[in-house]
Amino acid sequence: MRIGELARRTNVSERSLRYYEKQGMLSAERTPGGHREYPEGAVDRVIRIQELFAAGLCSEKIVQLLPCMRDTDGGPSAVATPKLAADLTAERARIDRMIADLVRSRDTLDEVIAAARLS
């Protein structure tokens, strides 16, 4: 499929798809005319990339992680390494800290809202 179709099917901009390709997260064959041709599996790959970005991972970590995941279900492949597991554990701890910070911020907002309602 061409880049426009992949963009429509994944709701991701063509610019983002080109970025994913440049970063090594996505690959495409080139037609004799120079157009990108993506395999059907690219849809699952792009969805997986979007999920990883939404989880707070940066593109560098995603590039390291993708070869260790199956695109269709996100399960692990045989390529995962102990170093990657350690890196991802640190990334998960960072996300946990962010969640804790957000919960504290929400609790503070709840207190301010409650106080404002009493005024």
C-alpha atoms as a PDB file:
ATOM      1  CA  MET A   1       0.000   0.000   0.000  1.00  0.00           C
ATOM      2  CA  ARG A   2       1.135   3.544  -0.582  1.00  0.00           C
ATOM      3  CA  ILE A   3       1.856   6.038   2.174  1.00  0.00           C
ATOM      4  CA  GLY A   4      -1.499   7.808   1.808  1.00  0.00           C
ATOM      5  CA  GLU A   5      -3.433   4.600   2.344  1.00  0.00           C
ATOM      6  CA  LEU A   6      -1.302   3.669   5.349  1.00  0.00           C
ATOM      7  CA  ALA A   7      -1.893   7.141   6.779  1.00  0.00           C
ATOM      8  CA  ARG A   8      -5.664   6.785   6.323  1.00  0.00           C
ATOM      9  CA  ARG A   9      -5.807   3.273   7.766  1.00  0.00           C
ATOM     10  CA  THR A  10      -3.792   4.203  10.869  1.00  0.00           C
ATOM     11  CA  ASN A  11      -4.929   7.813  11.294  1.00  0.00           C
ATOM     12  CA  VAL A  12      -1.268   8.880  11.332  1.00  0.00           C
ATOM     13  CA  SER A  13       0.056  11.680   9.160  1.00  0.00           C
ATOM     14  CA  GLU A  14       2.253  10.948   6.167  1.00  0.00           C
ATOM     15  CA  ARG A  15       4.882  13.172   7.768  1.00  0.00           C
ATOM     16  CA  SER A  16       4.911  10.945  10.865  1.00  0.00           C
ATOM     17  CA  LEU A  17       5.199   7.825   8.700  1.00  0.00           C
ATOM     18  CA  ARG A  18       8.212   9.291   6.916  1.00  0.00           C
ATOM     19  CA  TYR A  19       9.714  10.123  10.331  1.00  0.00           C
ATOM     20  CA  TYR A  20       9.148   6.544  11.519  1.00  0.00           C
ATOM     21  CA  GLU A  21      10.914   5.305   8.407  1.00  0.00           C
ATOM     22  CA  LYS A  22      13.826   7.715   8.864  1.00  0.00           C
ATOM     23  CA  GLN A  23      14.229   6.578  12.485  1.00  0.00           C
ATOM     24  CA  GLY A  24      14.242   2.902  11.489  1.00  0.00           C
ATOM     25  CA  MET A  25      10.879   2.042  13.051  1.00  0.00           C
ATOM     26  CA  LEU A  26       9.126   1.370   9.747  1.00  0.00           C
ATOM     27  CA  SER A  27      10.334   0.211   6.363  1.00  0.00           C
ATOM     28  CA  ALA A  28       9.005   0.445   2.847  1.00  0.00           C
ATOM     29  CA  GLU A  29      10.035  -0.816  -0.544  1.00  0.00           C
ATOM     30  CA  ARG A  30      10.401   1.690  -3.362  1.00  0.00           C
ATOM     31  CA  THR A  31       8.659   1.378  -6.690  1.00  0.00           C
ATOM     32  CA  PRO A  32      10.635   2.101  -9.873  1.00  0.00           C
ATOM     33  CA  GLY A  33       8.976   5.525  -9.760  1.00  0.00           C
ATOM     34  CA  GLY A  34      10.274   6.131  -6.213  1.00  0.00           C
ATOM     35  CA  HIS A  35       6.959   5.728  -4.380  1.00  0.00           C
ATOM     36  CA  ARG A  36       6.910   4.014  -1.003  1.00  0.00           C
ATOM     37  CA  GLU A  37       5.130   0.652  -0.898  1.00  0.00           C
ATOM     38  CA  TYR A  38       4.310  -0.711   2.548  1.00  0.00           C
ATOM     39  CA  PRO A  39       3.367  -4.320   3.311  1.00  0.00           C
ATOM     40  CA  GLU A  40       0.037  -5.104   4.976  1.00  0.00           C
ATOM     41  CA  GLY A  41       1.875  -5.674   8.268  1.00  0.00           C
ATOM     42  CA  ALA A  42       2.829  -1.984   8.347  1.00  0.00           C
ATOM     43  CA  VAL A  43      -0.633  -1.196   9.732  1.00  0.00           C
ATOM     44  CA  ASP A  44       0.049  -3.259  12.863  1.00  0.00           C
ATOM     45  CA  ARG A  45       3.564  -1.816  13.111  1.00  0.00           C
ATOM     46  CA  VAL A  46       2.301   1.787  13.021  1.00  0.00           C
ATOM     47  CA  ILE A  47      -0.376   1.022  15.605  1.00  0.00           C
ATOM     48  CA  ARG A  48       2.290  -0.518  17.847  1.00  0.00           C
ATOM     49  CA  ILE A  49       4.525   2.560  17.409  1.00  0.00           C
ATOM     50  CA  GLN A  50       1.637   4.852  18.348  1.00  0.00           C
ATOM     51  CA  GLU A  51       0.909   2.784  21.461  1.00  0.00           C
ATOM     52  CA  LEU A  52       4.540   2.996  22.540  1.00  0.00           C
ATOM     53  CA  PHE A  53       4.640   6.763  22.017  1.00  0.00           C
ATOM     54  CA  ALA A  54       1.401   7.073  24.004  1.00  0.00           C
ATOM     55  CA  ALA A  55       3.033   5.080  26.807  1.00  0.00           C
ATOM     56  CA  GLY A  56       5.698   7.792  27.016  1.00  0.00           C
ATOM     57  CA  LEU A  57       8.571   6.068  25.255  1.00  0.00           C
ATOM     58  CA  CYS A  58      10.878   8.142  23.062  1.00  0.00           C
ATOM     59  CA  SER A  59      11.708   7.135  19.500  1.00  0.00           C
ATOM     60  CA  GLU A  60      15.172   5.888  20.512  1.00  0.00           C
ATOM     61  CA  LYS A  61      13.647   3.377  22.955  1.00  0.00           C
ATOM     62  CA  ILE A  62      10.983   2.395  20.453  1.00  0.00           C
ATOM     63  CA  VAL A  63      13.650   1.610  17.843  1.00  0.00           C
ATOM     64  CA  GLN A  64      15.341  -0.680  20.385  1.00  0.00           C
ATOM     65  CA  LEU A  65      12.097  -2.287  21.453  1.00  0.00           C
ATOM     66  CA  LEU A  66      10.334  -2.979  18.145  1.00  0.00           C
ATOM     67  CA  PRO A  67      12.588  -5.857  17.037  1.00  0.00           C
ATOM     68  CA  CYS A  68      11.716  -7.565  20.329  1.00  0.00           C
ATOM     69  CA  MET A  69       7.955  -7.387  19.802  1.00  0.00           C
ATOM     70  CA  ARG A  70       5.514  -9.072  17.473  1.00  0.00           C
ATOM     71  CA  ASP A  71       3.511  -6.399  15.679  1.00  0.00           C
ATOM     72  CA  THR A  72       0.277  -8.357  15.546  1.00  0.00           C
ATOM     73  CA  ASP A  73      -0.194  -8.839  19.284  1.00  0.00           C
ATOM     74  CA  GLY A  74       2.631  -6.904  20.951  1.00  0.00           C
ATOM     75  CA  GLY A  75       3.992 -10.084  22.491  1.00  0.00           C
ATOM     76  CA  PRO A  76       7.713 -10.650  22.925  1.00  0.00           C
ATOM     77  CA  SER A  77       9.874 -12.195  20.255  1.00  0.00           C
ATOM     78  CA  ALA A  78      13.035 -14.194  20.803  1.00  0.00           C
ATOM     79  CA  VAL A  79      15.247 -11.131  20.213  1.00  0.00           C
ATOM     80  CA  ALA A  80      14.771  -9.472  23.635  1.00  0.00           C
ATOM     81  CA  THR A  81      17.976  -9.046  25.653  1.00  0.00           C
ATOM     82  CA  PRO A  82      18.684  -8.578  29.376  1.00  0.00           C
ATOM     83  CA  LYS A  83      20.026  -5.061  28.680  1.00  0.00           C
ATOM     84  CA  LEU A  84      16.830  -4.105  26.895  1.00  0.00           C
ATOM     85  CA  ALA A  85      14.816  -5.511  29.793  1.00  0.00           C
ATOM     86  CA  ALA A  86      16.850  -3.370  32.208  1.00  0.00           C
ATOM     87  CA  ASP A  87      16.379  -0.265  30.036  1.00  0.00           C
ATOM     88  CA  LEU A  88      12.652  -0.884  29.809  1.00  0.00           C
ATOM     89  CA  THR A  89      12.423  -1.463  33.561  1.00  0.00           C
ATOM     90  CA  ALA A  90      14.018   1.959  34.083  1.00  0.00           C
ATOM     91  CA  GLU A  91      11.594   3.463  31.563  1.00  0.00           C
ATOM     92  CA  ARG A  92       8.675   1.877  33.404  1.00  0.00           C
ATOM     93  CA  ALA A  93       9.938   3.339  36.687  1.00  0.00           C
ATOM     94  CA  ARG A  94      10.071   6.778  35.026  1.00  0.00           C
ATOM     95  CA  ILE A  95       6.470   6.373  33.865  1.00  0.00           C
ATOM     96  CA  ASP A  96       5.433   5.277  37.384  1.00  0.00           C
ATOM     97  CA  ARG A  97       7.011   8.471  38.776  1.00  0.00           C
ATOM     98  CA  MET A  98       5.107  10.535  36.215  1.00  0.00           C
ATOM     99  CA  ILE A  99       1.851   8.830  37.192  1.00  0.00           C
ATOM    100  CA  ALA A 100       2.505   9.512  40.886  1.00  0.00           C
ATOM    101  CA  ASP A 101       3.195  13.186  40.085  1.00  0.00           C
ATOM    102  CA  LEU A 102      -0.042  13.424  38.101  1.00  0.00           C
ATOM    103  CA  VAL A 103      -2.034  11.821  40.923  1.00  0.00           C
ATOM    104  CA  ARG A 104      -0.583  14.349  43.396  1.00  0.00           C
ATOM    105  CA  SER A 105      -1.475  17.203  41.024  1.00  0.00           C
ATOM    106  CA  ARG A 106      -5.017  15.875  40.615  1.00  0.00           C
ATOM    107  CA  ASP A 107      -5.412  15.534  44.394  1.00  0.00           C
ATOM    108  CA  THR A 108      -4.272  19.130  44.863  1.00  0.00           C
ATOM    109  CA  LEU A 109      -6.743  20.297  42.223  1.00  0.00           C
ATOM    110  CA  ASP A 110      -9.525  18.366  43.949  1.00  0.00           C
ATOM    111  CA  GLU A 111      -8.707  20.140  47.224  1.00  0.00           C
ATOM    112  CA  VAL A 112      -8.730  23.565  45.559  1.00  0.00           C
ATOM    113  CA  ILE A 113     -12.004  22.790  43.794  1.00  0.00           C
ATOM    114  CA  ALA A 114     -13.592  21.625  47.035  1.00  0.00           C
ATOM    115  CA  ALA A 115     -12.406  24.771  48.857  1.00  0.00           C
ATOM    116  CA  ALA A 116     -13.676  27.004  46.061  1.00  0.00           C
ATOM    117  CA  ARG A 117     -17.108  25.396  46.192  1.00  0.00           C
ATOM    118  CA  LEU A 118     -17.376  26.166  49.902  1.00  0.00           C
ATOM    119  CA  SER A 119     -16.622  29.839  49.330  1.00  0.00           C
END
